[in-house]
Amino acid sequence: MRNFAMVIGLWLAGASPASAQIWDGGRSAVPDTPMPADPGVTPMLNDLRRDLRTARRSGQITRQEERSLRRQAAVIAAAQRRYRSAGLSSGERQELMARTEALKGAIDAQRTP
């Protein structure tokens, strides 16, 4: 009987911390869904840099044109880093996409057929 009382006492002592937890209304049962990672314009800028390298090697653009266009790509990448440090809003993302598209158009215009 003494062992039985000891087991019951240990069982009650082990159950009390769990019952003392604060109930949060069931909100903890639903996990927060993480936001998908937004690659932004980085893949597009990488493609543009590759296009610049290809155009320069094939003689479609001059070295000076390549440098100028690379600087423009660097300015867009720097703006993306600045915007991301404070959280990228949809307006900032649209601006970066528009600037990247404009740069792509400038690269295509610089190429000679």
Protein backbone atom coordinates (compact mmCIF):
# COMPACT_ATOMS: atom_id res chain seq x y z
CA MET A 1 0.00 0.00 0.00
CA ARG A 2 2.89 2.30 0.75
CA ASN A 3 4.31 1.75 -2.76
CA PHE A 4 0.92 2.46 -4.26
CA ALA A 5 0.69 5.79 -2.45
CA MET A 6 4.22 6.66 -3.57
CA VAL A 7 3.36 5.91 -7.21
CA ILE A 8 0.20 8.01 -7.02
CA GLY A 9 2.17 10.86 -5.43
CA LEU A 10 4.83 10.75 -8.14
CA TRP A 11 2.17 10.59 -10.84
CA LEU A 12 0.40 13.63 -9.42
CA ALA A 13 3.66 15.53 -9.06
CA GLY A 14 4.52 14.82 -12.69
CA ALA A 15 1.09 15.84 -13.96
CA SER A 16 0.88 19.18 -12.20
CA PRO A 17 3.38 21.17 -14.36
CA ALA A 18 1.50 20.24 -17.52
CA SER A 19 -1.82 21.26 -16.06
CA ALA A 20 -0.38 24.60 -14.92
CA GLN A 21 0.31 25.77 -18.46
CA ILE A 22 -1.59 28.76 -19.76
CA TRP A 23 -4.13 28.02 -22.46
CA ASP A 24 -3.80 30.35 -25.45
CA GLY A 25 -7.20 29.68 -26.96
CA GLY A 26 -5.86 27.05 -29.33
CA ARG A 27 -3.80 29.50 -31.38
CA SER A 28 -0.60 27.53 -30.87
CA ALA A 29 -2.18 24.50 -32.50
CA VAL A 30 -2.15 26.29 -35.88
CA PRO A 31 1.44 26.78 -37.04
CA ASP A 32 2.41 30.02 -38.72
CA THR A 33 2.90 29.52 -42.43
CA PRO A 34 6.19 31.02 -43.54
CA MET A 35 6.18 33.50 -46.38
CA PRO A 36 7.70 32.10 -49.57
CA ALA A 37 11.14 33.40 -50.31
CA ASP A 38 11.00 36.09 -52.95
CA PRO A 39 14.05 35.87 -55.18
CA GLY A 40 13.34 39.39 -56.41
CA VAL A 41 15.22 40.58 -59.44
CA THR A 42 18.45 38.72 -58.65
CA PRO A 43 17.87 35.93 -61.20
CA MET A 44 16.96 38.50 -63.85
CA LEU A 45 20.08 40.54 -63.10
CA ASN A 46 22.21 37.41 -63.31
CA ASP A 47 20.70 36.66 -66.72
CA LEU A 48 21.38 40.23 -67.86
CA ARG A 49 24.99 40.04 -66.72
CA ARG A 50 25.40 36.79 -68.63
CA ASP A 51 23.82 38.40 -71.70
CA LEU A 52 26.24 41.33 -71.40
CA ARG A 53 29.21 38.99 -71.21
CA THR A 54 27.97 37.07 -74.24
CA ALA A 55 27.29 40.25 -76.23
CA ARG A 56 30.73 41.63 -75.41
CA ARG A 57 32.52 38.42 -76.36
CA SER A 58 30.63 38.21 -79.64
CA GLY A 59 31.42 41.85 -80.47
CA GLN A 60 27.82 43.04 -80.38
CA ILE A 61 28.62 45.72 -77.79
CA THR A 62 31.80 47.60 -76.94
CA ARG A 63 33.69 47.39 -73.67
CA GLN A 64 32.47 50.85 -72.67
CA GLU A 65 28.85 49.92 -73.35
CA GLU A 66 29.27 46.77 -71.29
CA ARG A 67 30.73 48.74 -68.37
CA SER A 68 27.94 51.29 -68.48
CA LEU A 69 25.24 48.61 -68.53
CA ARG A 70 26.97 46.66 -65.74
CA ARG A 71 26.99 49.81 -63.61
CA GLN A 72 23.27 50.18 -64.14
CA ALA A 73 22.77 46.55 -63.07
CA ALA A 74 24.88 47.23 -59.97
CA VAL A 75 22.70 50.24 -59.09
CA ILE A 76 19.57 48.06 -59.31
CA ALA A 77 21.20 45.35 -57.15
CA ALA A 78 22.20 47.97 -54.55
CA ALA A 79 18.64 49.32 -54.47
CA GLN A 80 17.33 45.80 -53.98
CA ARG A 81 19.68 45.27 -51.01
CA ARG A 82 18.59 48.60 -49.48
CA TYR A 83 14.92 47.82 -49.91
CA ARG A 84 15.28 44.31 -48.51
CA SER A 85 17.01 45.53 -45.36
CA ALA A 86 13.77 47.24 -44.32
CA GLY A 87 11.46 44.70 -45.94
CA LEU A 88 10.58 44.71 -49.62
CA SER A 89 7.15 46.19 -50.28
CA SER A 90 5.14 45.38 -53.39
CA GLY A 91 5.73 48.90 -54.76
CA GLU A 92 9.49 48.56 -54.31
CA ARG A 93 9.41 45.14 -55.96
CA GLN A 94 7.49 46.59 -58.93
CA GLU A 95 10.00 49.43 -59.20
CA LEU A 96 12.92 46.99 -59.24
CA MET A 97 11.20 44.84 -61.86
CA ALA A 98 10.50 47.90 -64.04
CA ARG A 99 14.10 49.10 -63.76
CA THR A 100 15.37 45.63 -64.62
CA GLU A 101 13.06 45.41 -67.64
CA ALA A 102 14.26 48.85 -68.77
CA LEU A 103 17.87 47.68 -68.46
CA LYS A 104 17.05 44.59 -70.51
CA GLY A 105 15.60 46.87 -73.17
CA ALA A 106 18.73 49.02 -73.11
CA ILE A 107 20.92 45.94 -73.52
CA ASP A 108 18.84 44.72 -76.44
CA ALA A 109 18.99 48.20 -78.04
CA GLN A 110 22.78 48.34 -77.69
CA ARG A 111 23.27 45.04 -79.47
CA THR A 112 24.02 45.34 -83.16
CA PRO A 113 22.58 42.57 -85.35
